[in-house]
Amino acid sequence: MSSVKYEDGWPQPHRIMDAEPYWAALQEDRLTYQRCDTCTQAVWPPHGFCPHCSGRSLTWHTSKGKGKVYSHSTVVRGPTATWQKISPYTVGFVEMDEGYYLFTQFLAKPDDVVIGKRVEVRYEKRGTQTQPLFALVDQ
């Protein structure tokens, strides 16, 4: 079992080998995902093979960073001092326009986050790692 590492109070992601291109791209303010070269399905989270057809050829693509709120939940009491400073905050899944689902934090007042609302990515450095967060956009 690995322990959580913190930088400037923020927990840092557990980085697995298949996801390294994703984390590197975020450092350049780019959101990426994989697509299977065999069945053309979007693949997320990163894999060494396609979970849809078992194909072994996956290609990294840059996302447009747009989608819609698929689900959400508001955290009223943050688990650490850093999270408590920004409470309440809302997390959930975004249904990305490219056809995959990404878990994230929403940059909006909790009552403004509604299933189906359009969102787009914003990048925020937390500790040493840039994270993709999502803001509501006018439709």
Protein backbone atom coordinates (compact mmCIF):
# COMPACT_ATOMS: atom_id res chain seq x y z
CA MET A 1 0.00 0.00 0.00
CA SER A 2 1.34 3.41 -0.91
CA SER A 3 1.16 6.47 1.29
CA VAL A 4 -0.25 9.78 0.11
CA LYS A 5 2.35 12.42 -0.69
CA TYR A 6 1.56 16.09 -0.08
CA GLU A 7 3.05 19.22 -1.66
CA ASP A 8 1.96 22.61 -0.30
CA GLY A 9 -0.88 20.84 1.50
CA TRP A 10 -2.30 19.21 -1.67
CA PRO A 11 -2.31 15.43 -2.08
CA GLN A 12 -0.32 14.43 -5.14
CA PRO A 13 -1.65 11.85 -7.60
CA HIS A 14 -0.51 8.25 -7.52
CA ARG A 15 1.15 8.01 -10.91
CA ILE A 16 0.96 4.73 -12.79
CA MET A 17 3.05 4.01 -15.89
CA ASP A 18 0.11 3.91 -18.33
CA ALA A 19 -0.93 7.43 -17.25
CA GLU A 20 2.45 9.19 -17.47
CA PRO A 21 1.64 10.87 -20.83
CA TYR A 22 -1.55 12.24 -19.24
CA TRP A 23 0.29 13.80 -16.27
CA ALA A 24 3.06 15.18 -18.50
CA ALA A 25 0.50 16.83 -20.82
CA LEU A 26 -1.28 18.45 -17.86
CA GLN A 27 2.00 20.16 -16.94
CA GLU A 28 1.68 21.83 -20.37
CA ASP A 29 -2.01 22.72 -19.79
CA ARG A 30 -3.21 20.00 -22.16
CA LEU A 31 -5.90 17.43 -21.33
CA THR A 32 -5.31 14.09 -23.04
CA TYR A 33 -6.98 10.71 -23.32
CA GLN A 34 -6.45 7.50 -25.27
CA ARG A 35 -8.40 6.18 -28.25
CA CYS A 36 -8.27 2.60 -29.51
CA ASP A 37 -6.92 2.28 -33.05
CA THR A 38 -8.96 -0.91 -33.56
CA CYS A 39 -12.50 -0.06 -32.37
CA THR A 40 -12.05 3.76 -32.17
CA GLN A 41 -13.58 3.95 -28.65
CA ALA A 42 -12.23 6.55 -26.22
CA VAL A 43 -10.31 4.88 -23.39
CA TRP A 44 -10.23 6.32 -19.88
CA PRO A 45 -8.58 5.81 -17.47
CA PRO A 46 -5.36 5.03 -19.34
CA HIS A 47 -4.68 1.39 -20.11
CA GLY A 48 -2.11 -0.74 -21.87
CA PHE A 49 -4.96 -2.32 -23.87
CA CYS A 50 -8.49 -1.39 -24.93
CA PRO A 51 -11.11 -2.38 -22.34
CA HIS A 52 -13.75 -2.38 -25.10
CA CYS A 53 -12.19 -4.77 -27.64
CA SER A 54 -8.85 -5.84 -26.05
CA GLY A 55 -6.95 -4.11 -28.85
CA ARG A 56 -3.32 -3.36 -28.05
CA SER A 57 -2.88 -0.23 -30.15
CA LEU A 58 -3.90 2.92 -28.29
CA THR A 59 -3.10 6.46 -29.38
CA TRP A 60 -3.01 9.57 -27.18
CA HIS A 61 -5.20 12.48 -28.29
CA THR A 62 -5.65 16.02 -26.99
CA SER A 63 -9.14 16.69 -25.67
CA LYS A 64 -10.99 19.90 -26.51
CA GLY A 65 -11.61 20.07 -22.75
CA LYS A 66 -15.39 20.42 -23.08
CA GLY A 67 -18.28 18.33 -21.87
CA LYS A 68 -21.28 18.30 -19.58
CA VAL A 69 -21.88 17.54 -15.93
CA TYR A 70 -22.79 13.86 -15.64
CA SER A 71 -22.95 13.60 -11.84
CA HIS A 72 -21.90 15.66 -8.84
CA SER A 73 -21.65 15.75 -5.07
CA THR A 74 -20.79 18.61 -2.74
CA VAL A 75 -18.21 18.15 0.00
CA VAL A 76 -19.15 20.34 2.94
CA ARG A 77 -16.32 19.36 5.27
CA GLY A 78 -12.91 18.93 3.65
CA PRO A 79 -10.77 16.00 4.80
CA THR A 80 -7.61 18.08 5.39
CA ALA A 81 -6.83 21.69 6.27
CA THR A 82 -6.14 22.55 2.63
CA TRP A 83 -9.50 21.15 1.47
CA GLN A 84 -11.28 22.80 4.39
CA LYS A 85 -10.07 26.19 3.15
CA ILE A 86 -12.03 25.77 -0.10
CA SER A 87 -15.10 24.03 1.37
CA PRO A 88 -17.77 23.64 0.31
CA TYR A 89 -16.62 22.32 -3.07
CA THR A 90 -18.24 20.12 -5.66
CA VAL A 91 -16.76 17.07 -7.37
CA GLY A 92 -18.19 14.69 -9.93
CA PHE A 93 -17.96 13.23 -13.40
CA VAL A 94 -17.85 15.14 -16.67
CA GLU A 95 -19.09 13.40 -19.80
CA MET A 96 -16.42 14.61 -22.19
CA ASP A 97 -17.37 15.48 -25.77
CA GLU A 98 -14.86 12.86 -26.95
CA GLY A 99 -16.86 10.06 -25.31
CA TYR A 100 -15.25 9.33 -21.96
CA TYR A 101 -15.99 10.26 -18.34
CA LEU A 102 -13.53 12.19 -16.17
CA PHE A 103 -13.77 12.66 -12.39
CA THR A 104 -12.96 16.23 -11.39
CA GLN A 105 -13.69 19.22 -9.20
CA PHE A 106 -16.08 21.90 -10.43
CA LEU A 107 -15.12 25.57 -10.10
CA ALA A 108 -18.59 26.82 -9.24
CA LYS A 109 -20.89 27.42 -6.33
CA PRO A 110 -22.43 24.07 -5.33
CA ASP A 111 -26.00 25.18 -6.16
CA ASP A 112 -24.93 26.20 -9.69
CA VAL A 113 -23.67 22.72 -10.64
CA VAL A 114 -26.50 20.92 -12.43
CA ILE A 115 -26.51 17.66 -14.38
CA GLY A 116 -26.36 18.42 -18.10
CA LYS A 117 -24.73 21.87 -17.77
CA ARG A 118 -21.86 22.52 -20.15
CA VAL A 119 -18.36 22.81 -18.68
CA GLU A 120 -14.83 23.38 -19.89
CA VAL A 121 -11.44 22.65 -18.45
CA ARG A 122 -9.31 25.04 -16.42
CA TYR A 123 -5.84 24.16 -15.20
CA GLU A 124 -4.66 24.69 -11.66
CA LYS A 125 -1.30 23.85 -10.12
CA ARG A 126 -1.81 22.02 -6.83
CA GLY A 127 1.47 21.20 -5.23
CA THR A 128 3.81 20.14 -8.04
CA GLN A 129 1.11 18.73 -10.32
CA THR A 130 -1.28 20.61 -12.59
CA GLN A 131 -4.86 19.34 -12.25
CA PRO A 132 -7.81 19.64 -14.65
CA LEU A 133 -10.75 21.40 -12.99
CA PHE A 134 -13.97 22.35 -14.75
CA ALA A 135 -15.86 25.64 -14.93
CA LEU A 136 -19.46 26.13 -16.04
CA VAL A 137 -19.93 27.82 -19.42
CA ASP A 138 -22.90 29.67 -20.88
CA GLN A 139 -24.83 27.52 -23.32
